[in-house]
Amino acid sequence: MKPMNVEHEELFHPWGTVTPAFWGIREEERPAAQSMTHIPQVLRGRLTEIAMTAAAGRLPDAAWMAHRLDTDVTDEYGPEHLNTVHVREVRAHLAYLAGDHATSLGWYLHTARLRATVQGPGHPDTEEATRRVYSLWRSVPDADAPALGAEVLGVVTDIHGPEAAVARRTRRRLQALAGAGDGASAGASQGVIGIT
């Protein structure tokens, strides 16, 4: 029996270049019942500055700017607001660009949980966020994958349930990695993902 939603597995890679379009939310395309947010122009401007700084190869500067923006947005809107989620996804993306898989995955897992809280587990944005987490996890080196995968499995199971396609794929990959006999799976039960 073919697993459900496998055709989407490769479609949800971590974002490429962060641009203002990355944040474009066309409210006219969203039903009124769904969570909607308006990204203020000042926030768009700061995100554009971060994108330009990252594109110029100054990732540490971009990460610092995103940290400051996260603090400001959280102070203004609170931790459970879509503007806050957006900024934290940028922090995840910047960590990904810097090659810091554990931090990137930590941020993406955090924002997937936030989306589940703010928008609900069945919202398309939440589902896309968890597929993106899975795709990012698949790209990490095998030596790091078991420990990080344990965190991925916990979050996707909490959000979507143990029989969701993403949870089943995560379990299968963890079993395959454990079967490789590299001994790395011993660390899978330890929480190694952190966000700063």
N, C-alpha and C. Protein backbone atom coordinates (compact mmCIF):
# COMPACT_ATOMS: atom_id res chain seq x y z
N MET A 1 0.84 -1.18 0.00
CA MET A 1 0.00 0.00 0.00
C MET A 1 0.88 1.24 0.00
N LYS A 2 0.64 2.14 -0.92
CA LYS A 2 1.44 3.36 -1.05
C LYS A 2 1.08 4.35 0.05
N PRO A 3 2.09 4.90 0.79
CA PRO A 3 1.80 5.88 1.83
C PRO A 3 1.12 7.11 1.24
N MET A 4 0.22 7.69 2.01
CA MET A 4 -0.49 8.90 1.56
C MET A 4 0.46 10.09 1.53
N ASN A 5 0.23 10.98 0.60
CA ASN A 5 0.92 12.27 0.51
C ASN A 5 2.42 12.17 0.24
N VAL A 6 2.90 11.02 -0.23
CA VAL A 6 4.32 10.91 -0.53
C VAL A 6 4.71 11.83 -1.67
N GLU A 7 3.75 12.08 -2.58
CA GLU A 7 4.07 12.94 -3.72
C GLU A 7 4.44 14.34 -3.28
N HIS A 8 4.08 14.76 -2.07
CA HIS A 8 4.41 16.10 -1.58
C HIS A 8 5.76 16.12 -0.85
N GLU A 9 6.33 14.97 -0.64
CA GLU A 9 7.51 14.88 0.23
C GLU A 9 8.64 15.79 -0.21
N GLU A 10 8.90 15.87 -1.51
CA GLU A 10 10.02 16.65 -1.99
C GLU A 10 9.65 18.10 -2.31
N LEU A 11 8.40 18.47 -2.13
CA LEU A 11 7.97 19.81 -2.53
C LEU A 11 8.17 20.87 -1.48
N PHE A 12 8.49 20.48 -0.27
CA PHE A 12 8.51 21.44 0.82
C PHE A 12 9.90 21.55 1.41
N HIS A 13 10.80 22.06 0.61
CA HIS A 13 12.16 22.28 1.06
C HIS A 13 12.22 23.59 1.83
N PRO A 14 13.25 23.77 2.65
CA PRO A 14 13.40 25.07 3.31
C PRO A 14 13.44 26.18 2.26
N TRP A 15 12.97 27.33 2.67
CA TRP A 15 12.88 28.43 1.73
C TRP A 15 14.23 28.77 1.13
N GLY A 16 14.18 29.29 -0.08
CA GLY A 16 15.38 29.80 -0.74
C GLY A 16 15.64 31.20 -0.25
N THR A 17 15.78 32.14 -1.13
CA THR A 17 16.08 33.51 -0.77
C THR A 17 14.89 34.15 -0.08
N VAL A 18 15.13 34.74 1.07
CA VAL A 18 14.05 35.43 1.78
C VAL A 18 13.89 36.80 1.16
N THR A 19 12.74 37.06 0.61
CA THR A 19 12.43 38.34 -0.03
C THR A 19 11.11 38.85 0.54
N PRO A 20 10.74 40.07 0.23
CA PRO A 20 9.44 40.54 0.69
C PRO A 20 8.30 39.65 0.21
N ALA A 21 8.44 39.07 -0.98
CA ALA A 21 7.39 38.17 -1.48
C ALA A 21 7.23 36.94 -0.60
N PHE A 22 8.32 36.57 0.08
CA PHE A 22 8.28 35.45 1.01
C PHE A 22 7.19 35.65 2.04
N TRP A 23 6.98 36.91 2.42
CA TRP A 23 5.98 37.23 3.44
C TRP A 23 4.66 37.63 2.86
N GLY A 24 4.56 37.68 1.54
CA GLY A 24 3.33 38.17 0.93
C GLY A 24 2.13 37.33 1.31
N ILE A 25 1.23 37.94 1.99
CA ILE A 25 -0.03 37.29 2.34
C ILE A 25 -1.12 38.06 1.62
N ARG A 26 -1.73 37.41 0.66
CA ARG A 26 -2.79 38.05 -0.08
C ARG A 26 -4.10 37.73 0.62
N GLU A 27 -4.56 38.67 1.41
CA GLU A 27 -5.74 38.42 2.23
C GLU A 27 -6.97 38.14 1.40
N GLU A 28 -7.01 38.66 0.15
CA GLU A 28 -8.18 38.41 -0.67
C GLU A 28 -8.27 36.95 -1.07
N GLU A 29 -7.16 36.20 -0.94
CA GLU A 29 -7.17 34.79 -1.31
C GLU A 29 -7.51 33.89 -0.13
N ARG A 30 -7.57 34.44 1.08
CA ARG A 30 -7.83 33.63 2.26
C ARG A 30 -9.29 33.76 2.68
N PRO A 31 -9.92 32.65 2.98
CA PRO A 31 -11.29 32.74 3.49
C PRO A 31 -11.31 33.52 4.80
N ALA A 32 -12.42 34.20 5.06
CA ALA A 32 -12.53 35.04 6.24
C ALA A 32 -12.38 34.24 7.52
N ALA A 33 -12.74 32.96 7.51
CA ALA A 33 -12.69 32.15 8.73
C ALA A 33 -11.27 31.78 9.13
N GLN A 34 -10.32 31.89 8.20
CA GLN A 34 -8.95 31.52 8.53
C GLN A 34 -8.25 32.67 9.21
N SER A 35 -7.16 32.34 9.92
CA SER A 35 -6.38 33.37 10.58
C SER A 35 -5.78 34.29 9.53
N MET A 36 -5.95 35.58 9.75
CA MET A 36 -5.40 36.54 8.81
C MET A 36 -4.51 37.50 9.59
N THR A 37 -3.51 37.99 8.91
CA THR A 37 -2.64 38.96 9.53
C THR A 37 -2.27 40.01 8.51
N HIS A 38 -2.00 41.17 9.00
CA HIS A 38 -1.52 42.24 8.15
C HIS A 38 -0.09 42.55 8.59
N ILE A 39 0.83 42.42 7.67
CA ILE A 39 2.23 42.70 8.01
C ILE A 39 2.46 44.18 7.77
N PRO A 40 2.71 44.92 8.84
CA PRO A 40 2.92 46.37 8.70
C PRO A 40 4.11 46.68 7.80
N GLN A 41 4.03 47.83 7.17
CA GLN A 41 5.09 48.24 6.23
C GLN A 41 6.45 48.31 6.91
N VAL A 42 6.49 48.79 8.16
CA VAL A 42 7.78 48.88 8.85
C VAL A 42 8.39 47.49 9.04
N LEU A 43 7.54 46.50 9.30
CA LEU A 43 8.04 45.13 9.44
C LEU A 43 8.54 44.61 8.10
N ARG A 44 7.79 44.88 7.03
CA ARG A 44 8.25 44.48 5.70
C ARG A 44 9.60 45.12 5.37
N GLY A 45 9.74 46.39 5.74
CA GLY A 45 11.00 47.07 5.47
C GLY A 45 12.17 46.43 6.20
N ARG A 46 11.97 46.08 7.44
CA ARG A 46 13.05 45.44 8.22
C ARG A 46 13.35 44.05 7.67
N LEU A 47 12.32 43.33 7.24
CA LEU A 47 12.56 42.02 6.64
C LEU A 47 13.34 42.14 5.34
N THR A 48 13.05 43.18 4.57
CA THR A 48 13.79 43.42 3.34
C THR A 48 15.25 43.71 3.64
N GLU A 49 15.52 44.51 4.67
CA GLU A 49 16.90 44.78 5.07
C GLU A 49 17.62 43.49 5.46
N ILE A 50 16.94 42.63 6.19
CA ILE A 50 17.54 41.36 6.60
C ILE A 50 17.84 40.52 5.36
N ALA A 51 16.90 40.46 4.42
CA ALA A 51 17.10 39.68 3.20
C ALA A 51 18.29 40.21 2.41
N MET A 52 18.41 41.54 2.30
CA MET A 52 19.52 42.12 1.54
C MET A 52 20.85 41.85 2.24
N THR A 53 20.86 41.91 3.56
CA THR A 53 22.08 41.65 4.32
C THR A 53 22.51 40.20 4.14
N ALA A 54 21.55 39.28 4.19
CA ALA A 54 21.87 37.85 3.98
C ALA A 54 22.35 37.61 2.56
N ALA A 55 21.69 38.25 1.58
CA ALA A 55 22.07 38.07 0.18
C ALA A 55 23.48 38.60 -0.08
N ALA A 56 23.90 39.58 0.71
CA ALA A 56 25.26 40.12 0.57
C ALA A 56 26.30 39.22 1.24
N GLY A 57 25.85 38.12 1.83
CA GLY A 57 26.78 37.19 2.46
C GLY A 57 27.10 37.51 3.90
N ARG A 58 26.41 38.45 4.48
CA ARG A 58 26.65 38.85 5.87
C ARG A 58 25.65 38.17 6.78
N LEU A 59 25.73 36.83 6.85
CA LEU A 59 24.75 36.06 7.61
C LEU A 59 24.76 36.37 9.11
N PRO A 60 25.93 36.54 9.75
CA PRO A 60 25.87 36.88 11.18
C PRO A 60 25.15 38.20 11.44
N ASP A 61 25.37 39.19 10.57
CA ASP A 61 24.67 40.47 10.72
C ASP A 61 23.17 40.29 10.51
N ALA A 62 22.80 39.51 9.50
CA ALA A 62 21.38 39.26 9.22
C ALA A 62 20.74 38.54 10.40
N ALA A 63 21.46 37.58 10.99
CA ALA A 63 20.92 36.83 12.13
C ALA A 63 20.72 37.77 13.33
N TRP A 64 21.66 38.69 13.53
CA TRP A 64 21.52 39.65 14.64
C TRP A 64 20.33 40.58 14.40
N MET A 65 20.17 41.05 13.17
CA MET A 65 19.04 41.91 12.83
C MET A 65 17.72 41.16 13.05
N ALA A 66 17.68 39.88 12.68
CA ALA A 66 16.47 39.07 12.86
C ALA A 66 16.17 38.86 14.35
N HIS A 67 17.23 38.69 15.14
CA HIS A 67 17.06 38.55 16.59
C HIS A 67 16.43 39.81 17.17
N ARG A 68 16.95 40.96 16.78
CA ARG A 68 16.40 42.22 17.27
C ARG A 68 14.95 42.42 16.82
N LEU A 69 14.69 42.06 15.56
CA LEU A 69 13.33 42.17 15.05
C LEU A 69 12.38 41.24 15.80
N ASP A 70 12.85 40.02 16.08
CA ASP A 70 12.05 39.06 16.84
C ASP A 70 11.67 39.64 18.21
N THR A 71 12.64 40.25 18.88
CA THR A 71 12.37 40.85 20.19
C THR A 71 11.32 41.95 20.07
N ASP A 72 11.47 42.82 19.08
CA ASP A 72 10.53 43.93 18.89
C ASP A 72 9.13 43.43 18.54
N VAL A 73 9.05 42.47 17.63
CA VAL A 73 7.74 41.97 17.20
C VAL A 73 7.06 41.21 18.33
N THR A 74 7.82 40.43 19.08
CA THR A 74 7.25 39.70 20.21
C THR A 74 6.73 40.67 21.27
N ASP A 75 7.49 41.74 21.52
CA ASP A 75 7.04 42.76 22.48
C ASP A 75 5.74 43.42 22.02
N GLU A 76 5.64 43.69 20.71
CA GLU A 76 4.48 44.40 20.20
C GLU A 76 3.25 43.51 20.03
N TYR A 77 3.45 42.29 19.50
CA TYR A 77 2.31 41.44 19.15
C TYR A 77 2.12 40.24 20.07
N GLY A 78 3.15 39.88 20.81
CA GLY A 78 3.08 38.69 21.65
C GLY A 78 3.66 37.48 20.94
N PRO A 79 3.91 36.40 21.70
CA PRO A 79 4.57 35.24 21.12
C PRO A 79 3.68 34.40 20.22
N GLU A 80 2.36 34.55 20.33
CA GLU A 80 1.45 33.73 19.54
C GLU A 80 0.70 34.58 18.52
N HIS A 81 1.47 35.21 17.65
CA HIS A 81 0.92 36.04 16.60
C HIS A 81 1.63 35.67 15.30
N LEU A 82 0.93 35.73 14.18
CA LEU A 82 1.54 35.32 12.92
C LEU A 82 2.73 36.19 12.53
N ASN A 83 2.74 37.47 12.91
CA ASN A 83 3.91 38.29 12.61
C ASN A 83 5.14 37.74 13.34
N THR A 84 4.95 37.29 14.57
CA THR A 84 6.04 36.69 15.33
C THR A 84 6.49 35.39 14.68
N VAL A 85 5.53 34.59 14.25
CA VAL A 85 5.86 33.33 13.57
C VAL A 85 6.70 33.61 12.32
N HIS A 86 6.29 34.59 11.53
CA HIS A 86 7.01 34.91 10.30
C HIS A 86 8.47 35.26 10.59
N VAL A 87 8.68 36.11 11.57
CA VAL A 87 10.04 36.53 11.90
C VAL A 87 10.87 35.33 12.38
N ARG A 88 10.27 34.46 13.16
CA ARG A 88 11.01 33.30 13.65
C ARG A 88 11.31 32.31 12.53
N GLU A 89 10.45 32.27 11.52
CA GLU A 89 10.77 31.44 10.34
C GLU A 89 11.96 32.01 9.59
N VAL A 90 12.08 33.33 9.57
CA VAL A 90 13.27 33.94 8.96
C VAL A 90 14.51 33.54 9.75
N ARG A 91 14.42 33.55 11.08
CA ARG A 91 15.56 33.13 11.90
C ARG A 91 15.93 31.68 11.60
N ALA A 92 14.93 30.84 11.39
CA ALA A 92 15.18 29.44 11.03
C ALA A 92 15.90 29.36 9.69
N HIS A 93 15.42 30.15 8.75
CA HIS A 93 16.02 30.12 7.42
C HIS A 93 17.47 30.61 7.45
N LEU A 94 17.73 31.65 8.21
CA LEU A 94 19.09 32.16 8.31
C LEU A 94 20.03 31.12 8.93
N ALA A 95 19.55 30.41 9.94
CA ALA A 95 20.37 29.34 10.53
C ALA A 95 20.62 28.24 9.50
N TYR A 96 19.61 27.94 8.69
CA TYR A 96 19.78 26.95 7.61
C TYR A 96 20.86 27.40 6.63
N LEU A 97 20.79 28.68 6.22
CA LEU A 97 21.79 29.20 5.29
C LEU A 97 23.20 29.14 5.88
N ALA A 98 23.30 29.31 7.20
CA ALA A 98 24.60 29.27 7.87
C ALA A 98 25.08 27.84 8.10
N GLY A 99 24.25 26.84 7.78
CA GLY A 99 24.65 25.45 7.96
C GLY A 99 24.44 24.92 9.36
N ASP A 100 23.70 25.64 10.18
CA ASP A 100 23.44 25.21 11.56
C ASP A 100 22.12 24.44 11.58
N HIS A 101 22.20 23.15 11.26
CA HIS A 101 20.99 22.33 11.13
C HIS A 101 20.18 22.25 12.41
N ALA A 102 20.85 22.06 13.53
CA ALA A 102 20.14 21.88 14.80
C ALA A 102 19.34 23.14 15.15
N THR A 103 19.95 24.31 15.02
CA THR A 103 19.26 25.55 15.34
C THR A 103 18.14 25.82 14.34
N SER A 104 18.41 25.60 13.06
CA SER A 104 17.38 25.81 12.04
C SER A 104 16.18 24.91 12.30
N LEU A 105 16.44 23.64 12.54
CA LEU A 105 15.35 22.71 12.80
C LEU A 105 14.61 23.07 14.08
N GLY A 106 15.35 23.53 15.09
CA GLY A 106 14.71 23.96 16.33
C GLY A 106 13.73 25.09 16.11
N TRP A 107 14.15 26.08 15.32
CA TRP A 107 13.26 27.20 15.02
C TRP A 107 12.06 26.75 14.19
N TYR A 108 12.30 25.91 13.18
CA TYR A 108 11.19 25.45 12.34
C TYR A 108 10.20 24.60 13.15
N LEU A 109 10.70 23.77 14.06
CA LEU A 109 9.81 23.00 14.92
C LEU A 109 9.00 23.93 15.82
N HIS A 110 9.67 24.93 16.36
CA HIS A 110 9.01 25.92 17.22
C HIS A 110 7.90 26.63 16.45
N THR A 111 8.19 27.06 15.22
CA THR A 111 7.17 27.79 14.47
C THR A 111 6.05 26.87 14.00
N ALA A 112 6.35 25.59 13.76
CA ALA A 112 5.27 24.65 13.41
C ALA A 112 4.31 24.52 14.59
N ARG A 113 4.87 24.42 15.81
CA ARG A 113 4.01 24.36 17.00
C ARG A 113 3.19 25.65 17.14
N LEU A 114 3.83 26.79 16.91
CA LEU A 114 3.10 28.06 17.00
C LEU A 114 1.98 28.12 15.98
N ARG A 115 2.25 27.69 14.77
CA ARG A 115 1.20 27.69 13.74
C ARG A 115 0.05 26.78 14.15
N ALA A 116 0.37 25.63 14.73
CA ALA A 116 -0.69 24.72 15.19
C ALA A 116 -1.54 25.39 16.27
N THR A 117 -0.90 26.19 17.13
CA THR A 117 -1.63 26.89 18.18
C THR A 117 -2.46 28.04 17.61
N VAL A 118 -1.86 28.82 16.74
CA VAL A 118 -2.52 30.02 16.22
C VAL A 118 -3.53 29.69 15.12
N GLN A 119 -3.15 28.80 14.19
CA GLN A 119 -3.98 28.54 13.03
C GLN A 119 -4.70 27.19 13.08
N GLY A 120 -4.24 26.31 13.96
CA GLY A 120 -4.84 24.99 14.07
C GLY A 120 -4.02 23.95 13.33
N PRO A 121 -4.05 22.70 13.79
CA PRO A 121 -3.22 21.66 13.19
C PRO A 121 -3.62 21.31 11.76
N GLY A 122 -4.87 21.53 11.38
CA GLY A 122 -5.30 21.19 10.04
C GLY A 122 -5.16 22.32 9.03
N HIS A 123 -4.68 23.47 9.48
CA HIS A 123 -4.54 24.61 8.56
C HIS A 123 -3.45 24.30 7.54
N PRO A 124 -3.66 24.68 6.28
CA PRO A 124 -2.64 24.40 5.25
C PRO A 124 -1.25 24.94 5.60
N ASP A 125 -1.17 26.11 6.25
CA ASP A 125 0.13 26.66 6.63
C ASP A 125 0.82 25.77 7.66
N THR A 126 0.05 25.21 8.59
CA THR A 126 0.62 24.31 9.60
C THR A 126 1.10 23.02 8.96
N GLU A 127 0.28 22.49 8.07
CA GLU A 127 0.67 21.25 7.39
C GLU A 127 1.92 21.47 6.54
N GLU A 128 1.98 22.60 5.85
CA GLU A 128 3.17 22.90 5.06
C GLU A 128 4.39 23.06 5.95
N ALA A 129 4.21 23.69 7.11
CA ALA A 129 5.33 23.89 8.04
C ALA A 129 5.89 22.56 8.52
N THR A 130 5.02 21.59 8.80
CA THR A 130 5.53 20.30 9.28
C THR A 130 6.16 19.51 8.14
N ARG A 131 5.64 19.64 6.93
CA ARG A 131 6.31 18.98 5.80
C ARG A 131 7.67 19.61 5.55
N ARG A 132 7.75 20.92 5.73
CA ARG A 132 9.03 21.60 5.55
C ARG A 132 10.04 21.12 6.59
N VAL A 133 9.59 20.94 7.84
CA VAL A 133 10.46 20.42 8.89
C VAL A 133 11.01 19.05 8.49
N TYR A 134 10.12 18.19 8.00
CA TYR A 134 10.54 16.85 7.60
C TYR A 134 11.57 16.92 6.46
N SER A 135 11.31 17.75 5.47
CA SER A 135 12.24 17.88 4.35
C SER A 135 13.60 18.41 4.79
N LEU A 136 13.58 19.39 5.68
CA LEU A 136 14.85 19.91 6.20
C LEU A 136 15.59 18.82 6.96
N TRP A 137 14.87 18.09 7.79
CA TRP A 137 15.50 17.01 8.56
C TRP A 137 16.15 15.99 7.63
N ARG A 138 15.50 15.68 6.52
CA ARG A 138 16.07 14.71 5.58
C ARG A 138 17.38 15.20 4.98
N SER A 139 17.61 16.50 4.99
CA SER A 139 18.83 17.04 4.38
C SER A 139 20.01 17.10 5.34
N VAL A 140 19.80 16.80 6.63
CA VAL A 140 20.91 16.88 7.58
C VAL A 140 21.78 15.63 7.44
N PRO A 141 23.05 15.72 7.81
CA PRO A 141 23.93 14.56 7.73
C PRO A 141 23.38 13.40 8.57
N ASP A 142 23.59 12.17 8.08
CA ASP A 142 23.08 10.99 8.77
C ASP A 142 23.54 10.91 10.22
N ALA A 143 24.73 11.40 10.50
CA ALA A 143 25.25 11.32 11.87
C ALA A 143 24.39 12.14 12.84
N ASP A 144 23.82 13.24 12.36
CA ASP A 144 23.00 14.11 13.20
C ASP A 144 21.52 13.75 13.16
N ALA A 145 21.13 13.00 12.15
CA ALA A 145 19.70 12.76 11.89
C ALA A 145 18.95 12.03 13.00
N PRO A 146 19.51 11.00 13.65
CA PRO A 146 18.70 10.29 14.67
C PRO A 146 18.27 11.19 15.83
N ALA A 147 19.19 11.94 16.40
CA ALA A 147 18.84 12.80 17.54
C ALA A 147 17.85 13.88 17.12
N LEU A 148 18.10 14.50 15.97
CA LEU A 148 17.19 15.54 15.49
C LEU A 148 15.85 14.93 15.11
N GLY A 149 15.88 13.72 14.55
CA GLY A 149 14.65 13.06 14.14
C GLY A 149 13.72 12.73 15.29
N ALA A 150 14.30 12.43 16.44
CA ALA A 150 13.47 12.17 17.62
C ALA A 150 12.65 13.41 17.96
N GLU A 151 13.25 14.59 17.84
CA GLU A 151 12.53 15.84 18.09
C GLU A 151 11.46 16.07 17.02
N VAL A 152 11.82 15.81 15.76
CA VAL A 152 10.86 15.97 14.66
C VAL A 152 9.65 15.07 14.90
N LEU A 153 9.91 13.81 15.22
CA LEU A 153 8.82 12.86 15.44
C LEU A 153 7.90 13.32 16.58
N GLY A 154 8.48 13.82 17.65
CA GLY A 154 7.67 14.29 18.76
C GLY A 154 6.74 15.42 18.36
N VAL A 155 7.27 16.38 17.62
CA VAL A 155 6.46 17.54 17.24
C VAL A 155 5.38 17.17 16.22
N VAL A 156 5.76 16.43 15.16
CA VAL A 156 4.75 16.12 14.15
C VAL A 156 3.67 15.20 14.71
N THR A 157 4.05 14.34 15.65
CA THR A 157 3.05 13.48 16.29
C THR A 157 2.12 14.30 17.17
N ASP A 158 2.68 15.25 17.93
CA ASP A 158 1.86 16.13 18.76
C ASP A 158 0.86 16.93 17.92
N ILE A 159 1.31 17.40 16.76
CA ILE A 159 0.47 18.26 15.93
C ILE A 159 -0.55 17.45 15.13
N HIS A 160 -0.09 16.38 14.48
CA HIS A 160 -0.94 15.68 13.52
C HIS A 160 -1.37 14.28 13.94
N GLY A 161 -0.80 13.75 15.01
CA GLY A 161 -1.15 12.41 15.44
C GLY A 161 -0.15 11.37 14.94
N PRO A 162 -0.10 10.20 15.58
CA PRO A 162 0.90 9.20 15.25
C PRO A 162 0.73 8.54 13.89
N GLU A 163 -0.46 8.62 13.30
CA GLU A 163 -0.68 7.96 12.02
C GLU A 163 -0.66 8.93 10.83
N ALA A 164 -0.32 10.19 11.08
CA ALA A 164 -0.19 11.14 9.98
C ALA A 164 0.96 10.72 9.07
N ALA A 165 0.85 11.05 7.79
CA ALA A 165 1.86 10.64 6.82
C ALA A 165 3.26 11.10 7.24
N VAL A 166 3.38 12.33 7.71
CA VAL A 166 4.69 12.86 8.08
C VAL A 166 5.25 12.11 9.29
N ALA A 167 4.41 11.70 10.21
CA ALA A 167 4.87 10.94 11.37
C ALA A 167 5.33 9.54 10.94
N ARG A 168 4.57 8.92 10.04
CA ARG A 168 4.97 7.58 9.55
C ARG A 168 6.29 7.64 8.80
N ARG A 169 6.46 8.66 7.94
CA ARG A 169 7.72 8.78 7.20
C ARG A 169 8.89 9.02 8.14
N THR A 170 8.66 9.83 9.17
CA THR A 170 9.73 10.10 10.14
C THR A 170 10.12 8.83 10.87
N ARG A 171 9.14 8.05 11.31
CA ARG A 171 9.44 6.79 12.00
C ARG A 171 10.21 5.83 11.08
N ARG A 172 9.78 5.75 9.82
CA ARG A 172 10.48 4.85 8.88
C ARG A 172 11.93 5.26 8.71
N ARG A 173 12.17 6.55 8.56
CA ARG A 173 13.55 6.99 8.37
C ARG A 173 14.38 6.75 9.63
N LEU A 174 13.79 7.01 10.80
CA LEU A 174 14.51 6.74 12.05
C LEU A 174 14.85 5.25 12.17
N GLN A 175 13.92 4.37 11.77
CA GLN A 175 14.20 2.94 11.81
C GLN A 175 15.31 2.57 10.83
N ALA A 176 15.29 3.17 9.65
CA ALA A 176 16.34 2.91 8.66
C ALA A 176 17.70 3.38 9.18
N LEU A 177 17.72 4.54 9.81
CA LEU A 177 18.98 5.05 10.35
C LEU A 177 19.49 4.17 11.48
N ALA A 178 18.58 3.68 12.32
CA ALA A 178 18.97 2.80 13.42
C ALA A 178 19.50 1.48 12.87
N GLY A 179 18.91 1.02 11.76
CA GLY A 179 19.35 -0.21 11.13
C GLY A 179 20.71 -0.10 10.47
N ALA A 180 21.14 1.13 10.21
CA ALA A 180 22.45 1.33 9.58
C ALA A 180 23.58 0.97 10.54
N GLY A 181 23.25 0.87 11.84
CA GLY A 181 24.23 0.40 12.82
C GLY A 181 25.38 1.35 13.06
N ASP A 182 25.16 2.65 12.83
CA ASP A 182 26.27 3.58 13.04
C ASP A 182 26.38 4.03 14.49
N GLY A 183 25.46 3.58 15.35
CA GLY A 183 25.54 3.93 16.76
C GLY A 183 25.04 5.31 17.07
N ALA A 184 24.71 6.11 16.04
CA ALA A 184 24.26 7.48 16.30
C ALA A 184 22.89 7.51 16.93
N SER A 185 22.12 6.42 16.77
CA SER A 185 20.77 6.45 17.29
C SER A 185 20.72 6.46 18.81
N ALA A 186 21.84 6.18 19.45
CA ALA A 186 21.86 6.20 20.91
C ALA A 186 21.52 7.58 21.45
N GLY A 187 21.84 8.61 20.68
CA GLY A 187 21.55 9.97 21.15
C GLY A 187 20.17 10.45 20.79
N ALA A 188 19.36 9.60 20.12
CA ALA A 188 18.08 10.06 19.64
C ALA A 188 17.12 10.45 20.74
N SER A 189 17.31 9.90 21.93
CA SER A 189 16.38 10.23 23.00
C SER A 189 16.75 11.51 23.72
N GLN A 190 17.90 12.08 23.40
CA GLN A 190 18.33 13.31 24.07
C GLN A 190 17.85 14.50 23.26
N GLY A 191 17.31 15.50 23.93
CA GLY A 191 16.90 16.72 23.24
C GLY A 191 18.13 17.53 22.90
N VAL A 192 18.41 17.68 21.60
CA VAL A 192 19.60 18.41 21.20
C VAL A 192 19.26 19.68 20.43
N ILE A 193 17.99 19.91 20.19
CA ILE A 193 17.62 21.06 19.39
C ILE A 193 17.38 22.24 20.31
N GLY A 194 17.99 23.34 19.98
CA GLY A 194 17.79 24.53 20.78
C GLY A 194 17.62 25.74 19.88
N ILE A 195 16.96 26.76 20.40
CA ILE A 195 16.82 28.00 19.67
C ILE A 195 17.33 29.11 20.54
N THR A 196 18.02 30.05 19.92
CA THR A 196 18.59 31.17 20.67
C THR A 196 18.20 32.47 20.04
